[in-house]
């Protein structure tokens, strides 16, 4: 393998483009924490921390799940089971990602100097949960929901209930679309003895789970807004999120998952970036 091939393979390993799901919500937490545009110093190091954290999380996920991925036709072509990357290379990548995360964390408020093991523990535990419980979707959501909470703490050194409400909204948003995503592997998961809401409650149960979680997302965004000094643009953003989630649910239905990629990737990217833009307009 040439040296130039490594970056592309690691980029694919962690699906770097999906950082767009979590990073805008970290910025939402940062901007609402100060009700203004944070300093360039804080924004840069929050960005670096998020990239390092997400790269670590995905690298660990791929490493721990390599055996499962090899037995799943949908994922057998991924970098580890296909041999495009070696386990040693991925371990080195995870260590480098952890180092980047820690360097960034220690440029921010002293509170997060003590809290960084929490998300790292969450990253390690998540891949194992699907072997034990269908509640794994909520754990994944909770880990991603730390983005706005951590950004808020990184700037202010405090974590008020509004920050937790934002984190809860993100957690339920992620858990909801992960219910959809699990449908892609429903039969394989059953064969391998893995757990998900779809395995436990069937395809219709996964749809109902996603609906309830996404209703909770909107409710928590409303709750956070009521506790903060926000203006019209914030509320327009909440309305847009609610509308886009409704549209996302209209794209797929039990027995018809043809547009699942559009619902999962495209719509969730639009939701994340769109809500951040409305928050940015609000604080400006």
C-alpha atoms as a PDB file:
ATOM      1  CA  UNK A   1       0.000   0.000   0.000  1.00  0.00           C
ATOM      2  CA  UNK A   2       1.320   3.450  -0.866  1.00  0.00           C
ATOM      3  CA  UNK A   3       1.474   6.096   1.816  1.00  0.00           C
ATOM      4  CA  UNK A   4      -1.099   8.132  -0.094  1.00  0.00           C
ATOM      5  CA  UNK A   5      -3.675   5.342   0.196  1.00  0.00           C
ATOM      6  CA  UNK A   6      -3.735   5.439   4.009  1.00  0.00           C
ATOM      7  CA  UNK A   7      -5.473   8.812   4.469  1.00  0.00           C
ATOM      8  CA  UNK A   8      -8.293   7.857   2.107  1.00  0.00           C
ATOM      9  CA  UNK A   9      -8.807   4.528   3.845  1.00  0.00           C
ATOM     10  CA  UNK A  10      -8.861   6.064   7.317  1.00  0.00           C
ATOM     11  CA  UNK A  11     -11.225   8.769   6.037  1.00  0.00           C
ATOM     12  CA  UNK A  12     -13.535   6.006   4.825  1.00  0.00           C
ATOM     13  CA  UNK A  13     -13.055   3.950   8.007  1.00  0.00           C
ATOM     14  CA  UNK A  14     -14.513   6.662  10.233  1.00  0.00           C
ATOM     15  CA  UNK A  15     -16.952   8.084   7.647  1.00  0.00           C
ATOM     16  CA  UNK A  16     -15.410  11.488   8.302  1.00  0.00           C
ATOM     17  CA  UNK A  17     -18.133  13.260   6.327  1.00  0.00           C
ATOM     18  CA  UNK A  18     -20.670  12.185   8.974  1.00  0.00           C
ATOM     19  CA  UNK A  19     -18.974  14.503  11.456  1.00  0.00           C
ATOM     20  CA  UNK A  20     -21.539  16.929  10.053  1.00  0.00           C
ATOM     21  CA  UNK A  21     -24.158  15.212  12.247  1.00  0.00           C
ATOM     22  CA  UNK A  22     -22.545  16.049  15.582  1.00  0.00           C
ATOM     23  CA  UNK A  23     -20.275  19.061  15.022  1.00  0.00           C
ATOM     24  CA  UNK A  24     -23.036  21.643  14.364  1.00  0.00           C
ATOM     25  CA  UNK A  25     -24.759  20.657  17.615  1.00  0.00           C
ATOM     26  CA  UNK A  26     -21.491  21.193  19.493  1.00  0.00           C
ATOM     27  CA  UNK A  27     -21.477  24.689  18.005  1.00  0.00           C
ATOM     28  CA  UNK A  28     -25.117  25.123  19.073  1.00  0.00           C
ATOM     29  CA  UNK A  29     -24.097  24.393  22.657  1.00  0.00           C
ATOM     30  CA  UNK A  30     -21.148  26.772  22.414  1.00  0.00           C
ATOM     31  CA  UNK A  31     -23.119  29.664  20.915  1.00  0.00           C
ATOM     32  CA  UNK A  32     -26.085  29.336  23.275  1.00  0.00           C
ATOM     33  CA  UNK A  33     -23.772  29.027  26.286  1.00  0.00           C
ATOM     34  CA  UNK A  34     -22.607  32.625  25.806  1.00  0.00           C
ATOM     35  CA  UNK A  35     -25.572  33.869  23.715  1.00  0.00           C
ATOM     36  CA  UNK A  36     -23.007  35.211  21.281  1.00  0.00           C
ATOM     37  CA  UNK A  37     -20.244  34.072  18.959  1.00  0.00           C
ATOM     38  CA  UNK A  38     -17.557  32.399  21.123  1.00  0.00           C
ATOM     39  CA  UNK A  39     -13.908  33.330  20.767  1.00  0.00           C
ATOM     40  CA  UNK A  40     -11.939  31.906  17.860  1.00  0.00           C
ATOM     41  CA  UNK A  41      -9.739  30.085  20.397  1.00  0.00           C
ATOM     42  CA  UNK A  42     -12.709  28.238  21.878  1.00  0.00           C
ATOM     43  CA  UNK A  43     -14.274  27.414  18.511  1.00  0.00           C
ATOM     44  CA  UNK A  44     -11.027  26.064  17.071  1.00  0.00           C
ATOM     45  CA  UNK A  45     -10.309  23.789  20.032  1.00  0.00           C
ATOM     46  CA  UNK A  46     -13.925  22.596  20.293  1.00  0.00           C
ATOM     47  CA  UNK A  47     -13.703  21.674  16.599  1.00  0.00           C
ATOM     48  CA  UNK A  48     -10.417  19.811  17.091  1.00  0.00           C
ATOM     49  CA  UNK A  49     -11.813  18.014  20.142  1.00  0.00           C
ATOM     50  CA  UNK A  50     -14.919  16.944  18.224  1.00  0.00           C
ATOM     51  CA  UNK A  51     -12.929  15.633  15.262  1.00  0.00           C
ATOM     52  CA  UNK A  52     -10.572  13.720  17.562  1.00  0.00           C
ATOM     53  CA  UNK A  53     -13.423  12.319  19.653  1.00  0.00           C
ATOM     54  CA  UNK A  54     -15.508  11.207  16.702  1.00  0.00           C
ATOM     55  CA  UNK A  55     -12.514   9.641  14.942  1.00  0.00           C
ATOM     56  CA  UNK A  56     -11.699   7.738  18.139  1.00  0.00           C
ATOM     57  CA  UNK A  57     -15.306   6.597  18.550  1.00  0.00           C
ATOM     58  CA  UNK A  58     -15.605   5.323  14.992  1.00  0.00           C
ATOM     59  CA  UNK A  59     -12.177   3.702  15.020  1.00  0.00           C
ATOM     60  CA  UNK A  60     -13.004   1.813  18.225  1.00  0.00           C
ATOM     61  CA  UNK A  61     -16.386   0.823  16.827  1.00  0.00           C
ATOM     62  CA  UNK A  62     -14.837  -0.605  13.666  1.00  0.00           C
ATOM     63  CA  UNK A  63     -12.105  -2.370  15.640  1.00  0.00           C
ATOM     64  CA  UNK A  64     -14.446  -3.990  18.166  1.00  0.00           C
ATOM     65  CA  UNK A  65     -17.004  -4.905  15.498  1.00  0.00           C
ATOM     66  CA  UNK A  66     -14.550  -6.222  12.894  1.00  0.00           C
ATOM     67  CA  UNK A  67     -15.657  -9.835  13.389  1.00  0.00           C
ATOM     68  CA  UNK A  68     -19.351  -8.946  13.170  1.00  0.00           C
ATOM     69  CA  UNK A  69     -18.741  -6.791  10.099  1.00  0.00           C
ATOM     70  CA  UNK A  70     -16.945  -9.668   8.368  1.00  0.00           C
ATOM     71  CA  UNK A  71     -20.053 -11.863   8.751  1.00  0.00           C
ATOM     72  CA  UNK A  72     -22.448  -9.211   7.439  1.00  0.00           C
ATOM     73  CA  UNK A  73     -22.663  -8.921   3.624  1.00  0.00           C
ATOM     74  CA  UNK A  74     -23.457  -5.180   3.916  1.00  0.00           C
ATOM     75  CA  UNK A  75     -20.300  -4.439   5.927  1.00  0.00           C
ATOM     76  CA  UNK A  76     -17.863  -7.163   4.808  1.00  0.00           C
ATOM     77  CA  UNK A  77     -16.202  -4.715   2.430  1.00  0.00           C
ATOM     78  CA  UNK A  78     -15.229  -2.306   5.200  1.00  0.00           C
ATOM     79  CA  UNK A  79     -11.542  -1.599   5.669  1.00  0.00           C
ATOM     80  CA  UNK A  80     -10.822  -4.045   8.522  1.00  0.00           C
ATOM     81  CA  UNK A  81     -12.726  -7.166   7.401  1.00  0.00           C
ATOM     82  CA  UNK A  82     -11.554  -6.692   3.805  1.00  0.00           C
ATOM     83  CA  UNK A  83      -7.919  -6.315   4.858  1.00  0.00           C
ATOM     84  CA  UNK A  84      -7.513  -2.781   3.496  1.00  0.00           C
ATOM     85  CA  UNK A  85      -6.356  -1.748   6.984  1.00  0.00           C
ATOM     86  CA  UNK A  86      -4.727  -3.919   9.642  1.00  0.00           C
ATOM     87  CA  UNK A  87      -5.910  -4.004  13.270  1.00  0.00           C
ATOM     88  CA  UNK A  88      -2.529  -2.591  14.344  1.00  0.00           C
ATOM     89  CA  UNK A  89      -2.977   0.374  12.000  1.00  0.00           C
ATOM     90  CA  UNK A  90      -6.452   1.067  13.386  1.00  0.00           C
ATOM     91  CA  UNK A  91      -5.191   0.817  16.987  1.00  0.00           C
ATOM     92  CA  UNK A  92      -2.499   3.377  16.115  1.00  0.00           C
ATOM     93  CA  UNK A  93      -5.151   5.600  14.516  1.00  0.00           C
ATOM     94  CA  UNK A  94      -7.297   5.374  17.677  1.00  0.00           C
ATOM     95  CA  UNK A  95      -4.337   6.314  19.882  1.00  0.00           C
ATOM     96  CA  UNK A  96      -3.548   9.277  17.639  1.00  0.00           C
ATOM     97  CA  UNK A  97      -7.205  10.372  17.713  1.00  0.00           C
ATOM     98  CA  UNK A  98      -7.222  10.124  21.522  1.00  0.00           C
ATOM     99  CA  UNK A  99      -4.067  12.259  21.656  1.00  0.00           C
ATOM    100  CA  UNK A 100      -5.669  14.915  19.418  1.00  0.00           C
ATOM    101  CA  UNK A 101      -8.791  14.890  21.604  1.00  0.00           C
ATOM    102  CA  UNK A 102      -6.797  15.301  24.819  1.00  0.00           C
ATOM    103  CA  UNK A 103      -4.614  18.087  23.453  1.00  0.00           C
ATOM    104  CA  UNK A 104      -7.761  19.988  22.487  1.00  0.00           C
ATOM    105  CA  UNK A 105      -9.547  19.312  25.788  1.00  0.00           C
ATOM    106  CA  UNK A 106      -6.647  20.757  27.772  1.00  0.00           C
ATOM    107  CA  UNK A 107      -6.877  24.031  25.855  1.00  0.00           C
ATOM    108  CA  UNK A 108     -10.419  24.564  27.171  1.00  0.00           C
ATOM    109  CA  UNK A 109     -12.066  25.189  30.547  1.00  0.00           C
ATOM    110  CA  UNK A 110     -10.546  23.260  33.492  1.00  0.00           C
ATOM    111  CA  UNK A 111     -13.884  21.505  34.118  1.00  0.00           C
ATOM    112  CA  UNK A 112     -13.504  19.390  30.968  1.00  0.00           C
ATOM    113  CA  UNK A 113      -9.964  18.418  32.012  1.00  0.00           C
ATOM    114  CA  UNK A 114     -11.695  16.140  34.526  1.00  0.00           C
ATOM    115  CA  UNK A 115     -14.651  15.043  32.415  1.00  0.00           C
ATOM    116  CA  UNK A 116     -12.896  13.700  29.300  1.00  0.00           C
ATOM    117  CA  UNK A 117     -12.894  10.014  30.451  1.00  0.00           C
ATOM    118  CA  UNK A 118     -16.716   9.989  30.333  1.00  0.00           C
ATOM    119  CA  UNK A 119     -17.109  10.197  26.528  1.00  0.00           C
ATOM    120  CA  UNK A 120     -14.119   7.895  26.004  1.00  0.00           C
ATOM    121  CA  UNK A 121     -15.740   5.261  28.245  1.00  0.00           C
ATOM    122  CA  UNK A 122     -18.957   5.735  26.264  1.00  0.00           C
ATOM    123  CA  UNK A 123     -17.104   5.089  22.993  1.00  0.00           C
ATOM    124  CA  UNK A 124     -15.638   1.829  24.313  1.00  0.00           C
ATOM    125  CA  UNK A 125     -18.878   0.525  25.826  1.00  0.00           C
ATOM    126  CA  UNK A 126     -21.225   1.278  22.909  1.00  0.00           C
ATOM    127  CA  UNK A 127     -20.080  -1.435  20.446  1.00  0.00           C
ATOM    128  CA  UNK A 128     -20.583  -4.111  23.108  1.00  0.00           C
ATOM    129  CA  UNK A 129     -24.103  -3.029  24.073  1.00  0.00           C
ATOM    130  CA  UNK A 130     -25.717  -4.336  20.873  1.00  0.00           C
ATOM    131  CA  UNK A 131     -24.587  -7.791  22.012  1.00  0.00           C
ATOM    132  CA  UNK A 132     -26.606  -7.410  25.239  1.00  0.00           C
ATOM    133  CA  UNK A 133     -29.527  -4.991  24.966  1.00  0.00           C
ATOM    134  CA  UNK A 134     -31.874  -3.273  22.522  1.00  0.00           C
ATOM    135  CA  UNK A 135     -31.297  -0.060  24.513  1.00  0.00           C
ATOM    136  CA  UNK A 136     -28.015   0.357  22.602  1.00  0.00           C
ATOM    137  CA  UNK A 137     -29.670   3.060  20.446  1.00  0.00           C
ATOM    138  CA  UNK A 138     -30.162   5.259  23.505  1.00  0.00           C
ATOM    139  CA  UNK A 139     -26.546   4.775  24.589  1.00  0.00           C
ATOM    140  CA  UNK A 140     -25.330   5.839  21.138  1.00  0.00           C
ATOM    141  CA  UNK A 141     -27.615   8.852  21.342  1.00  0.00           C
ATOM    142  CA  UNK A 142     -26.362   9.737  24.826  1.00  0.00           C
ATOM    143  CA  UNK A 143     -22.737   9.620  23.644  1.00  0.00           C
ATOM    144  CA  UNK A 144     -23.509  11.939  20.707  1.00  0.00           C
ATOM    145  CA  UNK A 145     -25.642  14.096  22.987  1.00  0.00           C
ATOM    146  CA  UNK A 146     -22.512  14.949  24.962  1.00  0.00           C
ATOM    147  CA  UNK A 147     -21.473  17.244  22.068  1.00  0.00           C
ATOM    148  CA  UNK A 148     -23.513  20.338  23.062  1.00  0.00           C
ATOM    149  CA  UNK A 149     -23.079  19.570  26.784  1.00  0.00           C
ATOM    150  CA  UNK A 150     -19.317  19.279  26.447  1.00  0.00           C
ATOM    151  CA  UNK A 151     -19.038  22.409  24.314  1.00  0.00           C
ATOM    152  CA  UNK A 152     -21.087  24.361  26.865  1.00  0.00           C
ATOM    153  CA  UNK A 153     -18.855  23.153  29.707  1.00  0.00           C
ATOM    154  CA  UNK A 154     -15.709  23.785  27.672  1.00  0.00           C
ATOM    155  CA  UNK A 155     -16.531  27.489  27.387  1.00  0.00           C
ATOM    156  CA  UNK A 156     -18.323  28.384  30.630  1.00  0.00           C
ATOM    157  CA  UNK A 157     -17.178  25.751  33.122  1.00  0.00           C
ATOM    158  CA  UNK A 158     -20.833  25.117  33.988  1.00  0.00           C
ATOM    159  CA  UNK A 159     -23.502  22.651  32.833  1.00  0.00           C
ATOM    160  CA  UNK A 160     -26.972  24.116  33.498  1.00  0.00           C
ATOM    161  CA  UNK A 161     -30.147  22.162  32.836  1.00  0.00           C
ATOM    162  CA  UNK A 162     -30.601  23.903  29.475  1.00  0.00           C
ATOM    163  CA  UNK A 163     -27.341  22.337  28.290  1.00  0.00           C
ATOM    164  CA  UNK A 164     -28.619  18.918  29.383  1.00  0.00           C
ATOM    165  CA  UNK A 165     -31.894  19.575  27.532  1.00  0.00           C
ATOM    166  CA  UNK A 166     -29.936  20.286  24.343  1.00  0.00           C
ATOM    167  CA  UNK A 167     -27.892  17.143  24.920  1.00  0.00           C
ATOM    168  CA  UNK A 168     -31.073  15.128  25.470  1.00  0.00           C
ATOM    169  CA  UNK A 169     -32.554  16.491  22.248  1.00  0.00           C
ATOM    170  CA  UNK A 170     -29.478  15.349  20.314  1.00  0.00           C
ATOM    171  CA  UNK A 171     -29.506  11.987  22.123  1.00  0.00           C
ATOM    172  CA  UNK A 172     -33.110  11.256  21.118  1.00  0.00           C
ATOM    173  CA  UNK A 173     -32.528  12.539  17.580  1.00  0.00           C
ATOM    174  CA  UNK A 174     -29.599  10.146  17.092  1.00  0.00           C
ATOM    175  CA  UNK A 175     -31.405   7.233  18.798  1.00  0.00           C
ATOM    176  CA  UNK A 176     -34.381   7.811  16.509  1.00  0.00           C
ATOM    177  CA  UNK A 177     -32.499   7.657  13.248  1.00  0.00           C
ATOM    178  CA  UNK A 178     -30.405   4.755  14.562  1.00  0.00           C
ATOM    179  CA  UNK A 179     -33.687   2.824  14.887  1.00  0.00           C
ATOM    180  CA  UNK A 180     -34.114   3.318  11.132  1.00  0.00           C
ATOM    181  CA  UNK A 181     -30.489   2.435  10.410  1.00  0.00           C
ATOM    182  CA  UNK A 182     -30.797  -0.853  12.331  1.00  0.00           C
ATOM    183  CA  UNK A 183     -33.455  -1.970   9.848  1.00  0.00           C
ATOM    184  CA  UNK A 184     -30.725  -2.441   7.227  1.00  0.00           C
ATOM    185  CA  UNK A 185     -29.288  -5.317   9.278  1.00  0.00           C
ATOM    186  CA  UNK A 186     -32.435  -6.732  10.852  1.00  0.00           C
ATOM    187  CA  UNK A 187     -32.123 -10.302   9.545  1.00  0.00           C
ATOM    188  CA  UNK A 188     -28.341 -10.461   9.972  1.00  0.00           C
ATOM    189  CA  UNK A 189     -28.627  -9.155  13.540  1.00  0.00           C
ATOM    190  CA  UNK A 190     -31.179 -11.866  14.325  1.00  0.00           C
ATOM    191  CA  UNK A 191     -28.865 -14.535  12.909  1.00  0.00           C
ATOM    192  CA  UNK A 192     -25.896 -13.233  14.921  1.00  0.00           C
ATOM    193  CA  UNK A 193     -27.874 -12.831  18.146  1.00  0.00           C
ATOM    194  CA  UNK A 194     -27.437  -9.055  18.231  1.00  0.00           C
ATOM    195  CA  UNK A 195     -29.928  -6.705  19.861  1.00  0.00           C
ATOM    196  CA  UNK A 196     -31.832  -3.677  18.558  1.00  0.00           C
ATOM    197  CA  UNK A 197     -35.299  -2.213  18.853  1.00  0.00           C
ATOM    198  CA  UNK A 198     -36.018  -3.737  15.426  1.00  0.00           C
ATOM    199  CA  UNK A 199     -34.926  -7.209  16.612  1.00  0.00           C
ATOM    200  CA  UNK A 200     -36.859  -6.912  19.885  1.00  0.00           C
ATOM    201  CA  UNK A 201     -40.068  -5.267  18.629  1.00  0.00           C
ATOM    202  CA  UNK A 202     -40.010  -5.852  14.868  1.00  0.00           C
ATOM    203  CA  UNK A 203     -39.952  -3.409  11.980  1.00  0.00           C
ATOM    204  CA  UNK A 204     -43.075  -1.543  13.117  1.00  0.00           C
ATOM    205  CA  UNK A 205     -41.648  -1.274  16.613  1.00  0.00           C
ATOM    206  CA  UNK A 206     -38.542   0.402  15.189  1.00  0.00           C
ATOM    207  CA  UNK A 207     -40.728   2.950  13.405  1.00  0.00           C
ATOM    208  CA  UNK A 208     -42.694   3.709  16.551  1.00  0.00           C
ATOM    209  CA  UNK A 209     -39.486   4.008  18.541  1.00  0.00           C
ATOM    210  CA  UNK A 210     -38.098   6.507  16.035  1.00  0.00           C
ATOM    211  CA  UNK A 211     -41.325   8.540  16.133  1.00  0.00           C
ATOM    212  CA  UNK A 212     -41.354   8.737  19.928  1.00  0.00           C
ATOM    213  CA  UNK A 213     -37.675   9.626  20.128  1.00  0.00           C
ATOM    214  CA  UNK A 214     -38.037  12.388  17.554  1.00  0.00           C
ATOM    215  CA  UNK A 215     -41.080  13.828  19.313  1.00  0.00           C
ATOM    216  CA  UNK A 216     -38.865  13.939  22.389  1.00  0.00           C
ATOM    217  CA  UNK A 217     -36.190  15.779  20.392  1.00  0.00           C
ATOM    218  CA  UNK A 218     -38.591  18.593  19.514  1.00  0.00           C
ATOM    219  CA  UNK A 219     -39.967  18.741  23.065  1.00  0.00           C
ATOM    220  CA  UNK A 220     -36.482  19.108  24.556  1.00  0.00           C
ATOM    221  CA  UNK A 221     -35.495  21.798  22.046  1.00  0.00           C
ATOM    222  CA  UNK A 222     -38.616  23.687  23.112  1.00  0.00           C
ATOM    223  CA  UNK A 223     -37.741  23.196  26.793  1.00  0.00           C
ATOM    224  CA  UNK A 224     -34.186  24.477  26.260  1.00  0.00           C
ATOM    225  CA  UNK A 225     -35.491  27.517  24.421  1.00  0.00           C
ATOM    226  CA  UNK A 226     -37.922  28.345  27.229  1.00  0.00           C
ATOM    227  CA  UNK A 227     -35.042  28.356  29.706  1.00  0.00           C
ATOM    228  CA  UNK A 228     -32.738  30.490  27.565  1.00  0.00           C
ATOM    229  CA  UNK A 229     -32.837  34.064  26.321  1.00  0.00           C
ATOM    230  CA  UNK A 230     -33.534  33.146  22.707  1.00  0.00           C
ATOM    231  CA  UNK A 231     -35.346  34.993  19.970  1.00  0.00           C
ATOM    232  CA  UNK A 232     -37.433  34.374  16.887  1.00  0.00           C
ATOM    233  CA  UNK A 233     -34.740  32.621  14.853  1.00  0.00           C
ATOM    234  CA  UNK A 234     -34.291  29.931  17.501  1.00  0.00           C
ATOM    235  CA  UNK A 235     -37.995  29.135  17.419  1.00  0.00           C
ATOM    236  CA  UNK A 236     -37.988  29.131  13.620  1.00  0.00           C
ATOM    237  CA  UNK A 237     -35.109  26.639  13.839  1.00  0.00           C
ATOM    238  CA  UNK A 238     -37.114  24.376  16.141  1.00  0.00           C
ATOM    239  CA  UNK A 239     -40.054  24.540  13.729  1.00  0.00           C
ATOM    240  CA  UNK A 240     -37.782  23.665  10.804  1.00  0.00           C
ATOM    241  CA  UNK A 241     -36.312  20.707  12.725  1.00  0.00           C
ATOM    242  CA  UNK A 242     -39.840  19.449  13.482  1.00  0.00           C
ATOM    243  CA  UNK A 243     -40.839  19.802   9.830  1.00  0.00           C
ATOM    244  CA  UNK A 244     -37.715  18.063   8.532  1.00  0.00           C
ATOM    245  CA  UNK A 245     -38.141  15.203  10.994  1.00  0.00           C
ATOM    246  CA  UNK A 246     -41.734  14.767   9.829  1.00  0.00           C
ATOM    247  CA  UNK A 247     -40.519  14.735   6.216  1.00  0.00           C
ATOM    248  CA  UNK A 248     -37.798  12.220   7.128  1.00  0.00           C
ATOM    249  CA  UNK A 249     -40.449   9.883   8.518  1.00  0.00           C
ATOM    250  CA  UNK A 250     -42.515  10.261   5.350  1.00  0.00           C
ATOM    251  CA  UNK A 251     -39.639   8.921   3.240  1.00  0.00           C
ATOM    252  CA  UNK A 252     -39.687   5.420   4.731  1.00  0.00           C
ATOM    253  CA  UNK A 253     -42.402   3.127   5.957  1.00  0.00           C
ATOM    254  CA  UNK A 254     -42.608  -0.522   7.081  1.00  0.00           C
ATOM    255  CA  UNK A 255     -41.875  -2.710   4.086  1.00  0.00           C
ATOM    256  CA  UNK A 256     -40.458   0.154   2.001  1.00  0.00           C
ATOM    257  CA  UNK A 257     -36.916   1.213   2.893  1.00  0.00           C
ATOM    258  CA  UNK A 258     -35.842   2.284  -0.604  1.00  0.00           C
ATOM    259  CA  UNK A 259     -35.249   5.884   0.469  1.00  0.00           C
ATOM    260  CA  UNK A 260     -33.602   5.033   3.784  1.00  0.00           C
ATOM    261  CA  UNK A 261     -30.235   6.455   2.706  1.00  0.00           C
ATOM    262  CA  UNK A 262     -31.901   9.772   1.886  1.00  0.00           C
ATOM    263  CA  UNK A 263     -33.750   9.781   5.211  1.00  0.00           C
ATOM    264  CA  UNK A 264     -30.686   8.816   7.214  1.00  0.00           C
ATOM    265  CA  UNK A 265     -27.794  10.692   5.637  1.00  0.00           C
ATOM    266  CA  UNK A 266     -29.169  13.611   3.648  1.00  0.00           C
ATOM    267  CA  UNK A 267     -32.016  14.693   5.921  1.00  0.00           C
ATOM    268  CA  UNK A 268     -30.066  14.386   9.160  1.00  0.00           C
ATOM    269  CA  UNK A 269     -27.215  16.425   7.742  1.00  0.00           C
ATOM    270  CA  UNK A 270     -29.721  19.115   6.705  1.00  0.00           C
ATOM    271  CA  UNK A 271     -31.335  19.049  10.177  1.00  0.00           C
ATOM    272  CA  UNK A 272     -28.016  19.447  11.988  1.00  0.00           C
ATOM    273  CA  UNK A 273     -26.589  22.226   9.814  1.00  0.00           C
ATOM    274  CA  UNK A 274     -29.959  23.949   9.426  1.00  0.00           C
ATOM    275  CA  UNK A 275     -30.617  24.199  13.146  1.00  0.00           C
ATOM    276  CA  UNK A 276     -27.121  25.569  13.743  1.00  0.00           C
ATOM    277  CA  UNK A 277     -27.677  28.272  11.106  1.00  0.00           C
ATOM    278  CA  UNK A 278     -30.865  29.412  12.877  1.00  0.00           C
ATOM    279  CA  UNK A 279     -29.053  29.479  16.245  1.00  0.00           C
ATOM    280  CA  UNK A 280     -26.241  31.486  14.671  1.00  0.00           C
ATOM    281  CA  UNK A 281     -28.750  33.993  13.277  1.00  0.00           C
ATOM    282  CA  UNK A 282     -30.398  34.176  16.687  1.00  0.00           C
ATOM    283  CA  UNK A 283     -27.250  35.015  18.643  1.00  0.00           C
ATOM    284  CA  UNK A 284     -26.165  37.508  15.993  1.00  0.00           C
END
